[in-house]
Amino acid sequence: MSLGAYTRGFFFLFSFLFDRYSDRRSKGRIVRDKSQSSTHARPMAATAKHKFALNAQVLLDGKSDGAVFKITRLLPDGGSGLQYRIKNEQEGYERVVVERLLTAARG
């Protein structure tokens, strides 16, 4: 048996076992990607929706002066929740905050 045939046989066995293992784990955590090769598995992404839209007016919790901020960008989850980039007209800079610190501005 040549080295090439041995390598192909090992690869086939590994692919077969990996496919069986990834199929068992498909209940919520890993899903097989049919567009790629049969041995490729990727984590399933949970798509969360942002509560506030782009250009919405919001209040920042913990800011006592009641300043109204405008959402300038929607950002992905950074590990502690969905994030937004916000800006106040009186300030010369933008802030990045998590969604739980924002409330909708009235009016």
PDB file of N, CA and C in Angstrom:
ATOM      1  N   MET A   1       0.852  -1.172   0.000  1.00  0.00           N
ATOM      2  CA  MET A   1       0.000   0.000   0.000  1.00  0.00           C
ATOM      3  C   MET A   1       0.901   1.238   0.000  1.00  0.00           C
ATOM      4  N   SER A   2       0.678   2.119  -0.971  1.00  0.00           N
ATOM      5  CA  SER A   2       1.513   3.310  -1.078  1.00  0.00           C
ATOM      6  C   SER A   2       1.102   4.350  -0.035  1.00  0.00           C
ATOM      7  N   LEU A   3       1.974   5.303   0.176  1.00  0.00           N
ATOM      8  CA  LEU A   3       1.717   6.356   1.166  1.00  0.00           C
ATOM      9  C   LEU A   3       0.517   7.210   0.758  1.00  0.00           C
ATOM     10  N   GLY A   4       0.350   7.467  -0.532  1.00  0.00           N
ATOM     11  CA  GLY A   4      -0.785   8.261  -1.017  1.00  0.00           C
ATOM     12  C   GLY A   4      -2.112   7.565  -0.745  1.00  0.00           C
ATOM     13  N   ALA A   5      -2.174   6.255  -0.989  1.00  0.00           N
ATOM     14  CA  ALA A   5      -3.397   5.504  -0.736  1.00  0.00           C
ATOM     15  C   ALA A   5      -3.694   5.472   0.769  1.00  0.00           C
ATOM     16  N   TYR A   6      -2.667   5.316   1.568  1.00  0.00           N
ATOM     17  CA  TYR A   6      -2.837   5.316   3.028  1.00  0.00           C
ATOM     18  C   TYR A   6      -3.381   6.663   3.504  1.00  0.00           C
ATOM     19  N   THR A   7      -2.841   7.766   2.964  1.00  0.00           N
ATOM     20  CA  THR A   7      -3.285   9.107   3.351  1.00  0.00           C
ATOM     21  C   THR A   7      -4.733   9.334   2.937  1.00  0.00           C
ATOM     22  N   ARG A   8      -5.097   8.925   1.727  1.00  0.00           N
ATOM     23  CA  ARG A   8      -6.486   9.091   1.275  1.00  0.00           C
ATOM     24  C   ARG A   8      -7.433   8.282   2.136  1.00  0.00           C
ATOM     25  N   GLY A   9      -7.044   7.084   2.515  1.00  0.00           N
ATOM     26  CA  GLY A   9      -7.886   6.256   3.374  1.00  0.00           C
ATOM     27  C   GLY A   9      -8.078   6.877   4.744  1.00  0.00           C
ATOM     28  N   PHE A  10      -7.008   7.421   5.299  1.00  0.00           N
ATOM     29  CA  PHE A  10      -7.104   8.084   6.596  1.00  0.00           C
ATOM     30  C   PHE A  10      -8.008   9.299   6.505  1.00  0.00           C
ATOM     31  N   PHE A  11      -7.858  10.096   5.432  1.00  0.00           N
ATOM     32  CA  PHE A  11      -8.690  11.284   5.259  1.00  0.00           C
ATOM     33  C   PHE A  11     -10.161  10.900   5.128  1.00  0.00           C
ATOM     34  N   PHE A  12     -10.461   9.839   4.378  1.00  0.00           N
ATOM     35  CA  PHE A  12     -11.834   9.385   4.223  1.00  0.00           C
ATOM     36  C   PHE A  12     -12.423   8.973   5.570  1.00  0.00           C
ATOM     37  N   LEU A  13     -11.681   8.226   6.360  1.00  0.00           N
ATOM     38  CA  LEU A  13     -12.153   7.798   7.674  1.00  0.00           C
ATOM     39  C   LEU A  13     -12.374   8.992   8.587  1.00  0.00           C
ATOM     40  N   PHE A  14     -11.442   9.930   8.600  1.00  0.00           N
ATOM     41  CA  PHE A  14     -11.581  11.131   9.414  1.00  0.00           C
ATOM     42  C   PHE A  14     -12.814  11.930   9.008  1.00  0.00           C
ATOM     43  N   SER A  15     -13.026  12.098   7.688  1.00  0.00           N
ATOM     44  CA  SER A  15     -14.199  12.838   7.194  1.00  0.00           C
ATOM     45  C   SER A  15     -15.490  12.150   7.609  1.00  0.00           C
ATOM     46  N   PHE A  16     -15.539  10.821   7.499  1.00  0.00           N
ATOM     47  CA  PHE A  16     -16.730  10.070   7.864  1.00  0.00           C
ATOM     48  C   PHE A  16     -17.046  10.246   9.349  1.00  0.00           C
ATOM     49  N   LEU A  17     -16.037  10.119  10.202  1.00  0.00           N
ATOM     50  CA  LEU A  17     -16.255  10.263  11.637  1.00  0.00           C
ATOM     51  C   LEU A  17     -16.635  11.692  12.011  1.00  0.00           C
ATOM     52  N   PHE A  18     -16.018  12.676  11.384  1.00  0.00           N
ATOM     53  CA  PHE A  18     -16.332  14.061  11.675  1.00  0.00           C
ATOM     54  C   PHE A  18     -17.761  14.392  11.270  1.00  0.00           C
ATOM     55  N   ASP A  19     -18.216  13.886  10.116  1.00  0.00           N
ATOM     56  CA  ASP A  19     -19.599  14.118   9.689  1.00  0.00           C
ATOM     57  C   ASP A  19     -20.577  13.544  10.693  1.00  0.00           C
ATOM     58  N   ARG A  20     -20.322  12.355  11.189  1.00  0.00           N
ATOM     59  CA  ARG A  20     -21.225  11.744  12.168  1.00  0.00           C
ATOM     60  C   ARG A  20     -21.249  12.550  13.461  1.00  0.00           C
ATOM     61  N   TYR A  21     -20.091  13.029  13.899  1.00  0.00           N
ATOM     62  CA  TYR A  21     -20.006  13.806  15.132  1.00  0.00           C
ATOM     63  C   TYR A  21     -20.714  15.143  14.981  1.00  0.00           C
ATOM     64  N   SER A  22     -20.514  15.841  13.860  1.00  0.00           N
ATOM     65  CA  SER A  22     -21.130  17.157  13.692  1.00  0.00           C
ATOM     66  C   SER A  22     -22.647  17.033  13.531  1.00  0.00           C
ATOM     67  N   ASP A  23     -23.136  15.921  12.952  1.00  0.00           N
ATOM     68  CA  ASP A  23     -24.583  15.735  12.854  1.00  0.00           C
ATOM     69  C   ASP A  23     -25.212  15.569  14.229  1.00  0.00           C
ATOM     70  N   ARG A  24     -24.519  14.909  15.150  1.00  0.00           N
ATOM     71  CA  ARG A  24     -25.051  14.728  16.503  1.00  0.00           C
ATOM     72  C   ARG A  24     -25.125  16.032  17.257  1.00  0.00           C
ATOM     73  N   ARG A  25     -24.200  16.950  16.986  1.00  0.00           N
ATOM     74  CA  ARG A  25     -24.147  18.207  17.715  1.00  0.00           C
ATOM     75  C   ARG A  25     -25.017  19.280  17.081  1.00  0.00           C
ATOM     76  N   SER A  26     -25.804  18.968  16.067  1.00  0.00           N
ATOM     77  CA  SER A  26     -26.551  19.987  15.342  1.00  0.00           C
ATOM     78  C   SER A  26     -27.759  20.509  16.101  1.00  0.00           C
ATOM     79  N   LYS A  27     -28.013  20.040  17.283  1.00  0.00           N
ATOM     80  CA  LYS A  27     -29.166  20.506  18.042  1.00  0.00           C
ATOM     81  C   LYS A  27     -28.826  21.814  18.751  1.00  0.00           C
ATOM     82  N   GLY A  28     -28.771  22.924  17.991  1.00  0.00           N
ATOM     83  CA  GLY A  28     -28.619  24.233  18.572  1.00  0.00           C
ATOM     84  C   GLY A  28     -27.237  24.839  18.553  1.00  0.00           C
ATOM     85  N   ARG A  29     -26.186  24.053  18.488  1.00  0.00           N
ATOM     86  CA  ARG A  29     -24.868  24.651  18.595  1.00  0.00           C
ATOM     87  C   ARG A  29     -24.088  24.648  17.291  1.00  0.00           C
ATOM     88  N   ILE A  30     -24.040  23.540  16.597  1.00  0.00           N
ATOM     89  CA  ILE A  30     -23.254  23.464  15.368  1.00  0.00           C
ATOM     90  C   ILE A  30     -24.161  22.966  14.257  1.00  0.00           C
ATOM     91  N   VAL A  31     -24.079  23.623  13.137  1.00  0.00           N
ATOM     92  CA  VAL A  31     -24.894  23.226  11.995  1.00  0.00           C
ATOM     93  C   VAL A  31     -23.962  23.014  10.800  1.00  0.00           C
ATOM     94  N   ARG A  32     -24.276  22.034  10.003  1.00  0.00           N
ATOM     95  CA  ARG A  32     -23.452  21.757   8.829  1.00  0.00           C
ATOM     96  C   ARG A  32     -23.745  22.770   7.750  1.00  0.00           C
ATOM     97  N   ASP A  33     -22.705  23.260   7.137  1.00  0.00           N
ATOM     98  CA  ASP A  33     -22.825  24.225   6.057  1.00  0.00           C
ATOM     99  C   ASP A  33     -22.836  23.460   4.740  1.00  0.00           C
ATOM    100  N   LYS A  34     -23.990  23.384   4.092  1.00  0.00           N
ATOM    101  CA  LYS A  34     -24.140  22.578   2.873  1.00  0.00           C
ATOM    102  C   LYS A  34     -23.408  23.201   1.683  1.00  0.00           C
ATOM    103  N   SER A  35     -23.117  24.490   1.713  1.00  0.00           N
ATOM    104  CA  SER A  35     -22.444  25.117   0.589  1.00  0.00           C
ATOM    105  C   SER A  35     -20.957  24.787   0.555  1.00  0.00           C
ATOM    106  N   GLN A  36     -20.388  24.367   1.659  1.00  0.00           N
ATOM    107  CA  GLN A  36     -18.973  24.040   1.738  1.00  0.00           C
ATOM    108  C   GLN A  36     -18.810  22.520   1.631  1.00  0.00           C
ATOM    109  N   SER A  37     -17.616  22.045   1.882  1.00  0.00           N
ATOM    110  CA  SER A  37     -17.388  20.607   1.835  1.00  0.00           C
ATOM    111  C   SER A  37     -18.139  19.927   2.973  1.00  0.00           C
ATOM    112  N   SER A  38     -18.322  18.646   2.883  1.00  0.00           N
ATOM    113  CA  SER A  38     -19.124  17.928   3.872  1.00  0.00           C
ATOM    114  C   SER A  38     -18.462  17.867   5.240  1.00  0.00           C
ATOM    115  N   THR A  39     -17.179  18.187   5.339  1.00  0.00           N
ATOM    116  CA  THR A  39     -16.509  18.138   6.635  1.00  0.00           C
ATOM    117  C   THR A  39     -16.462  19.490   7.331  1.00  0.00           C
ATOM    118  N   HIS A  40     -17.024  20.530   6.710  1.00  0.00           N
ATOM    119  CA  HIS A  40     -16.964  21.869   7.293  1.00  0.00           C
ATOM    120  C   HIS A  40     -18.190  22.114   8.166  1.00  0.00           C
ATOM    121  N   ALA A  41     -17.957  22.495   9.399  1.00  0.00           N
ATOM    122  CA  ALA A  41     -19.054  22.862  10.295  1.00  0.00           C
ATOM    123  C   ALA A  41     -18.781  24.262  10.816  1.00  0.00           C
ATOM    124  N   ARG A  42     -19.831  25.057  10.968  1.00  0.00           N
ATOM    125  CA  ARG A  42     -19.673  26.419  11.480  1.00  0.00           C
ATOM    126  C   ARG A  42     -20.659  26.655  12.607  1.00  0.00           C
ATOM    127  N   PRO A  43     -20.331  27.521  13.558  1.00  0.00           N
ATOM    128  CA  PRO A  43     -21.278  27.802  14.633  1.00  0.00           C
ATOM    129  C   PRO A  43     -22.490  28.538  14.092  1.00  0.00           C
ATOM    130  N   MET A  44     -23.639  28.242  14.638  1.00  0.00           N
ATOM    131  CA  MET A  44     -24.870  28.861  14.205  1.00  0.00           C
ATOM    132  C   MET A  44     -25.005  30.216  14.884  1.00  0.00           C
ATOM    133  N   ALA A  45     -25.199  31.263  14.127  1.00  0.00           N
ATOM    134  CA  ALA A  45     -25.280  32.609  14.670  1.00  0.00           C
ATOM    135  C   ALA A  45     -26.710  32.931  15.075  1.00  0.00           C
ATOM    136  N   ALA A  46     -26.850  33.462  16.265  1.00  0.00           N
ATOM    137  CA  ALA A  46     -28.145  33.938  16.725  1.00  0.00           C
ATOM    138  C   ALA A  46     -28.258  35.391  16.289  1.00  0.00           C
ATOM    139  N   THR A  47     -29.257  35.692  15.479  1.00  0.00           N
ATOM    140  CA  THR A  47     -29.397  37.046  14.971  1.00  0.00           C
ATOM    141  C   THR A  47     -30.305  37.837  15.891  1.00  0.00           C
ATOM    142  N   ALA A  48     -29.737  38.764  16.609  1.00  0.00           N
ATOM    143  CA  ALA A  48     -30.491  39.637  17.491  1.00  0.00           C
ATOM    144  C   ALA A  48     -30.791  40.932  16.745  1.00  0.00           C
ATOM    145  N   LYS A  49     -31.931  41.510  17.017  1.00  0.00           N
ATOM    146  CA  LYS A  49     -32.348  42.749  16.364  1.00  0.00           C
ATOM    147  C   LYS A  49     -32.083  43.930  17.291  1.00  0.00           C
ATOM    148  N   HIS A  50     -31.646  45.028  16.720  1.00  0.00           N
ATOM    149  CA  HIS A  50     -31.459  46.252  17.480  1.00  0.00           C
ATOM    150  C   HIS A  50     -32.825  46.839  17.846  1.00  0.00           C
ATOM    151  N   LYS A  51     -32.921  47.371  19.026  1.00  0.00           N
ATOM    152  CA  LYS A  51     -34.171  47.958  19.513  1.00  0.00           C
ATOM    153  C   LYS A  51     -34.414  49.342  18.913  1.00  0.00           C
ATOM    154  N   PHE A  52     -33.341  50.086  18.670  1.00  0.00           N
ATOM    155  CA  PHE A  52     -33.446  51.441  18.145  1.00  0.00           C
ATOM    156  C   PHE A  52     -32.907  51.491  16.724  1.00  0.00           C
ATOM    157  N   ALA A  53     -33.512  52.371  15.920  1.00  0.00           N
ATOM    158  CA  ALA A  53     -33.112  52.509  14.519  1.00  0.00           C
ATOM    159  C   ALA A  53     -32.017  53.566  14.376  1.00  0.00           C
ATOM    160  N   LEU A  54     -31.400  53.584  13.215  1.00  0.00           N
ATOM    161  CA  LEU A  54     -30.402  54.585  12.891  1.00  0.00           C
ATOM    162  C   LEU A  54     -31.061  55.963  12.916  1.00  0.00           C
ATOM    163  N   ASN A  55     -30.385  56.971  13.428  1.00  0.00           N
ATOM    164  CA  ASN A  55     -30.851  58.357  13.568  1.00  0.00           C
ATOM    165  C   ASN A  55     -31.944  58.544  14.612  1.00  0.00           C
ATOM    166  N   ALA A  56     -32.224  57.536  15.417  1.00  0.00           N
ATOM    167  CA  ALA A  56     -33.230  57.667  16.477  1.00  0.00           C
ATOM    168  C   ALA A  56     -32.667  58.543  17.600  1.00  0.00           C
ATOM    169  N   GLN A  57     -33.555  59.226  18.303  1.00  0.00           N
ATOM    170  CA  GLN A  57     -33.181  60.074  19.433  1.00  0.00           C
ATOM    171  C   GLN A  57     -33.330  59.252  20.713  1.00  0.00           C
ATOM    172  N   VAL A  58     -32.286  59.184  21.522  1.00  0.00           N
ATOM    173  CA  VAL A  58     -32.286  58.364  22.732  1.00  0.00           C
ATOM    174  C   VAL A  58     -31.694  59.146  23.902  1.00  0.00           C
ATOM    175  N   LEU A  59     -31.981  58.663  25.105  1.00  0.00           N
ATOM    176  CA  LEU A  59     -31.392  59.183  26.335  1.00  0.00           C
ATOM    177  C   LEU A  59     -30.426  58.150  26.870  1.00  0.00           C
ATOM    178  N   LEU A  60     -29.336  58.607  27.458  1.00  0.00           N
ATOM    179  CA  LEU A  60     -28.325  57.733  28.023  1.00  0.00           C
ATOM    180  C   LEU A  60     -28.538  57.642  29.523  1.00  0.00           C
ATOM    181  N   ASP A  61     -28.779  56.442  30.039  1.00  0.00           N
ATOM    182  CA  ASP A  61     -28.946  56.249  31.477  1.00  0.00           C
ATOM    183  C   ASP A  61     -27.663  56.636  32.198  1.00  0.00           C
ATOM    184  N   GLY A  62     -27.818  57.297  33.337  1.00  0.00           N
ATOM    185  CA  GLY A  62     -26.659  57.721  34.107  1.00  0.00           C
ATOM    186  C   GLY A  62     -26.203  59.124  33.761  1.00  0.00           C
ATOM    187  N   LYS A  63     -26.733  59.704  32.715  1.00  0.00           N
ATOM    188  CA  LYS A  63     -26.405  61.082  32.326  1.00  0.00           C
ATOM    189  C   LYS A  63     -27.500  61.969  32.887  1.00  0.00           C
ATOM    190  N   SER A  64     -27.206  62.734  33.944  1.00  0.00           N
ATOM    191  CA  SER A  64     -28.235  63.448  34.709  1.00  0.00           C
ATOM    192  C   SER A  64     -28.772  64.696  34.031  1.00  0.00           C
ATOM    193  N   ASP A  65     -28.080  65.255  33.049  1.00  0.00           N
ATOM    194  CA  ASP A  65     -28.558  66.501  32.441  1.00  0.00           C
ATOM    195  C   ASP A  65     -29.645  66.288  31.395  1.00  0.00           C
ATOM    196  N   GLY A  66     -30.007  65.050  31.119  1.00  0.00           N
ATOM    197  CA  GLY A  66     -31.096  64.754  30.176  1.00  0.00           C
ATOM    198  C   GLY A  66     -30.748  65.044  28.732  1.00  0.00           C
ATOM    199  N   ALA A  67     -29.483  64.991  28.380  1.00  0.00           N
ATOM    200  CA  ALA A  67     -29.051  65.261  27.010  1.00  0.00           C
ATOM    201  C   ALA A  67     -29.589  64.191  26.063  1.00  0.00           C
ATOM    202  N   VAL A  68     -30.028  64.650  24.907  1.00  0.00           N
ATOM    203  CA  VAL A  68     -30.560  63.741  23.881  1.00  0.00           C
ATOM    204  C   VAL A  68     -29.430  63.397  22.913  1.00  0.00           C
ATOM    205  N   PHE A  69     -29.300  62.109  22.638  1.00  0.00           N
ATOM    206  CA  PHE A  69     -28.270  61.613  21.732  1.00  0.00           C
ATOM    207  C   PHE A  69     -28.917  61.072  20.463  1.00  0.00           C
ATOM    208  N   LYS A  70     -28.188  61.145  19.377  1.00  0.00           N
ATOM    209  CA  LYS A  70     -28.643  60.610  18.090  1.00  0.00           C
ATOM    210  C   LYS A  70     -27.808  59.375  17.784  1.00  0.00           C
ATOM    211  N   ILE A  71     -28.472  58.289  17.365  1.00  0.00           N
ATOM    212  CA  ILE A  71     -27.761  57.055  16.993  1.00  0.00           C
ATOM    213  C   ILE A  71     -27.152  57.248  15.616  1.00  0.00           C
ATOM    214  N   THR A  72     -25.829  57.118  15.546  1.00  0.00           N
ATOM    215  CA  THR A  72     -25.129  57.323  14.280  1.00  0.00           C
ATOM    216  C   THR A  72     -24.710  56.018  13.612  1.00  0.00           C
ATOM    217  N   ARG A  73     -24.688  54.936  14.400  1.00  0.00           N
ATOM    218  CA  ARG A  73     -24.300  53.648  13.815  1.00  0.00           C
ATOM    219  C   ARG A  73     -24.790  52.501  14.685  1.00  0.00           C
ATOM    220  N   LEU A  74     -25.247  51.419  14.047  1.00  0.00           N
ATOM    221  CA  LEU A  74     -25.621  50.187  14.736  1.00  0.00           C
ATOM    222  C   LEU A  74     -24.415  49.261  14.716  1.00  0.00           C
ATOM    223  N   LEU A  75     -24.042  48.757  15.880  1.00  0.00           N
ATOM    224  CA  LEU A  75     -22.867  47.898  15.993  1.00  0.00           C
ATOM    225  C   LEU A  75     -23.275  46.500  16.446  1.00  0.00           C
ATOM    226  N   PRO A  76     -22.468  45.487  16.153  1.00  0.00           N
ATOM    227  CA  PRO A  76     -22.795  44.120  16.571  1.00  0.00           C
ATOM    228  C   PRO A  76     -22.599  43.925  18.073  1.00  0.00           C
ATOM    229  N   ASP A  77     -22.979  42.769  18.537  1.00  0.00           N
ATOM    230  CA  ASP A  77     -22.814  42.399  19.940  1.00  0.00           C
ATOM    231  C   ASP A  77     -21.332  42.314  20.258  1.00  0.00           C
ATOM    232  N   GLY A  78     -20.915  43.058  21.259  1.00  0.00           N
ATOM    233  CA  GLY A  78     -19.511  43.055  21.647  1.00  0.00           C
ATOM    234  C   GLY A  78     -19.226  42.153  22.823  1.00  0.00           C
ATOM    235  N   GLY A  79     -20.155  41.288  23.170  1.00  0.00           N
ATOM    236  CA  GLY A  79     -19.973  40.382  24.294  1.00  0.00           C
ATOM    237  C   GLY A  79     -20.883  40.713  25.458  1.00  0.00           C
ATOM    238  N   SER A  80     -21.309  41.960  25.551  1.00  0.00           N
ATOM    239  CA  SER A  80     -22.198  42.351  26.651  1.00  0.00           C
ATOM    240  C   SER A  80     -23.537  42.871  26.143  1.00  0.00           C
ATOM    241  N   GLY A  81     -23.839  42.657  24.888  1.00  0.00           N
ATOM    242  CA  GLY A  81     -25.111  43.068  24.308  1.00  0.00           C
ATOM    243  C   GLY A  81     -24.891  43.882  23.037  1.00  0.00           C
ATOM    244  N   LEU A  82     -25.986  44.135  22.332  1.00  0.00           N
ATOM    245  CA  LEU A  82     -25.902  44.929  21.109  1.00  0.00           C
ATOM    246  C   LEU A  82     -25.400  46.321  21.442  1.00  0.00           C
ATOM    247  N   GLN A  83     -24.638  46.910  20.528  1.00  0.00           N
ATOM    248  CA  GLN A  83     -24.028  48.204  20.779  1.00  0.00           C
ATOM    249  C   GLN A  83     -24.457  49.233  19.753  1.00  0.00           C
ATOM    250  N   TYR A  84     -24.353  50.496  20.153  1.00  0.00           N
ATOM    251  CA  TYR A  84     -24.684  51.623  19.291  1.00  0.00           C
ATOM    252  C   TYR A  84     -23.577  52.656  19.392  1.00  0.00           C
ATOM    253  N   ARG A  85     -23.389  53.401  18.328  1.00  0.00           N
ATOM    254  CA  ARG A  85     -22.537  54.587  18.385  1.00  0.00           C
ATOM    255  C   ARG A  85     -23.491  55.777  18.431  1.00  0.00           C
ATOM    256  N   ILE A  86     -23.337  56.615  19.451  1.00  0.00           N
ATOM    257  CA  ILE A  86     -24.254  57.742  19.650  1.00  0.00           C
ATOM    258  C   ILE A  86     -23.458  59.045  19.724  1.00  0.00           C
ATOM    259  N   LYS A  87     -24.165  60.160  19.428  1.00  0.00           N
ATOM    260  CA  LYS A  87     -23.522  61.468  19.473  1.00  0.00           C
ATOM    261  C   LYS A  87     -24.516  62.505  19.960  1.00  0.00           C
ATOM    262  N   ASN A  88     -24.026  63.406  20.802  1.00  0.00           N
ATOM    263  CA  ASN A  88     -24.788  64.553  21.268  1.00  0.00           C
ATOM    264  C   ASN A  88     -24.275  65.768  20.501  1.00  0.00           C
ATOM    265  N   GLU A  89     -25.173  66.676  20.124  1.00  0.00           N
ATOM    266  CA  GLU A  89     -24.774  67.847  19.337  1.00  0.00           C
ATOM    267  C   GLU A  89     -23.819  68.759  20.107  1.00  0.00           C
ATOM    268  N   GLN A  90     -23.935  68.822  21.437  1.00  0.00           N
ATOM    269  CA  GLN A  90     -23.079  69.700  22.236  1.00  0.00           C
ATOM    270  C   GLN A  90     -21.679  69.113  22.456  1.00  0.00           C
ATOM    271  N   GLU A  91     -21.528  67.828  22.297  1.00  0.00           N
ATOM    272  CA  GLU A  91     -20.233  67.186  22.483  1.00  0.00           C
ATOM    273  C   GLU A  91     -19.548  67.014  21.131  1.00  0.00           C
ATOM    274  N   GLY A  92     -18.266  67.061  21.116  1.00  0.00           N
ATOM    275  CA  GLY A  92     -17.530  66.942  19.861  1.00  0.00           C
ATOM    276  C   GLY A  92     -17.061  65.531  19.554  1.00  0.00           C
ATOM    277  N   TYR A  93     -17.615  64.533  20.217  1.00  0.00           N
ATOM    278  CA  TYR A  93     -17.164  63.154  20.012  1.00  0.00           C
ATOM    279  C   TYR A  93     -18.355  62.203  20.081  1.00  0.00           C
ATOM    280  N   GLU A  94     -18.122  60.981  19.625  1.00  0.00           N
ATOM    281  CA  GLU A  94     -19.141  59.933  19.678  1.00  0.00           C
ATOM    282  C   GLU A  94     -18.809  58.959  20.790  1.00  0.00           C
ATOM    283  N   ARG A  95     -19.837  58.277  21.288  1.00  0.00           N
ATOM    284  CA  ARG A  95     -19.668  57.255  22.317  1.00  0.00           C
ATOM    285  C   ARG A  95     -20.170  55.926  21.775  1.00  0.00           C
ATOM    286  N   VAL A  96     -19.623  54.838  22.304  1.00  0.00           N
ATOM    287  CA  VAL A  96     -20.134  53.502  22.020  1.00  0.00           C
ATOM    288  C   VAL A  96     -20.754  52.987  23.311  1.00  0.00           C
ATOM    289  N   VAL A  97     -22.058  52.643  23.238  1.00  0.00           N
ATOM    290  CA  VAL A  97     -22.781  52.191  24.425  1.00  0.00           C
ATOM    291  C   VAL A  97     -23.561  50.925  24.103  1.00  0.00           C
ATOM    292  N   VAL A  98     -23.853  50.150  25.139  1.00  0.00           N
ATOM    293  CA  VAL A  98     -24.682  48.953  24.960  1.00  0.00           C
ATOM    294  C   VAL A  98     -26.153  49.344  25.025  1.00  0.00           C
ATOM    295  N   GLU A  99     -26.992  48.514  24.446  1.00  0.00           N
ATOM    296  CA  GLU A  99     -28.414  48.812  24.299  1.00  0.00           C
ATOM    297  C   GLU A  99     -29.130  49.007  25.631  1.00  0.00           C
ATOM    298  N   ARG A 100     -28.718  48.261  26.664  1.00  0.00           N
ATOM    299  CA  ARG A 100     -29.431  48.348  27.937  1.00  0.00           C
ATOM    300  C   ARG A 100     -29.272  49.693  28.626  1.00  0.00           C
ATOM    301  N   LEU A 101     -28.322  50.527  28.199  1.00  0.00           N
ATOM    302  CA  LEU A 101     -28.126  51.849  28.781  1.00  0.00           C
ATOM    303  C   LEU A 101     -28.914  52.937  28.081  1.00  0.00           C
ATOM    304  N   LEU A 102     -29.675  52.586  27.056  1.00  0.00           N
ATOM    305  CA  LEU A 102     -30.416  53.575  26.270  1.00  0.00           C
ATOM    306  C   LEU A 102     -31.915  53.457  26.502  1.00  0.00           C
ATOM    307  N   THR A 103     -32.591  54.612  26.483  1.00  0.00           N
ATOM    308  CA  THR A 103     -34.054  54.669  26.482  1.00  0.00           C
ATOM    309  C   THR A 103     -34.476  55.631  25.386  1.00  0.00           C
ATOM    310  N   ALA A 104     -35.663  55.418  24.840  1.00  0.00           N
ATOM    311  CA  ALA A 104     -36.166  56.267  23.762  1.00  0.00           C
ATOM    312  C   ALA A 104     -36.472  57.662  24.300  1.00  0.00           C
ATOM    313  N   ALA A 105     -36.088  58.691  23.538  1.00  0.00           N
ATOM    314  CA  ALA A 105     -36.404  60.067  23.909  1.00  0.00           C
ATOM    315  C   ALA A 105     -37.827  60.377  23.486  1.00  0.00           C
ATOM    316  N   ARG A 106     -38.521  61.087  24.318  1.00  0.00           N
ATOM    317  CA  ARG A 106     -39.912  61.465  23.999  1.00  0.00           C
ATOM    318  C   ARG A 106     -39.916  62.724  23.151  1.00  0.00           C
ATOM    319  N   GLY A 107     -40.770  62.697  22.131  1.00  0.00           N
ATOM    320  CA  GLY A 107     -40.972  63.888  21.328  1.00  0.00           C
ATOM    321  C   GLY A 107     -40.096  64.036  20.211  1.00  0.00           C
TER     322      GLY A 107
END
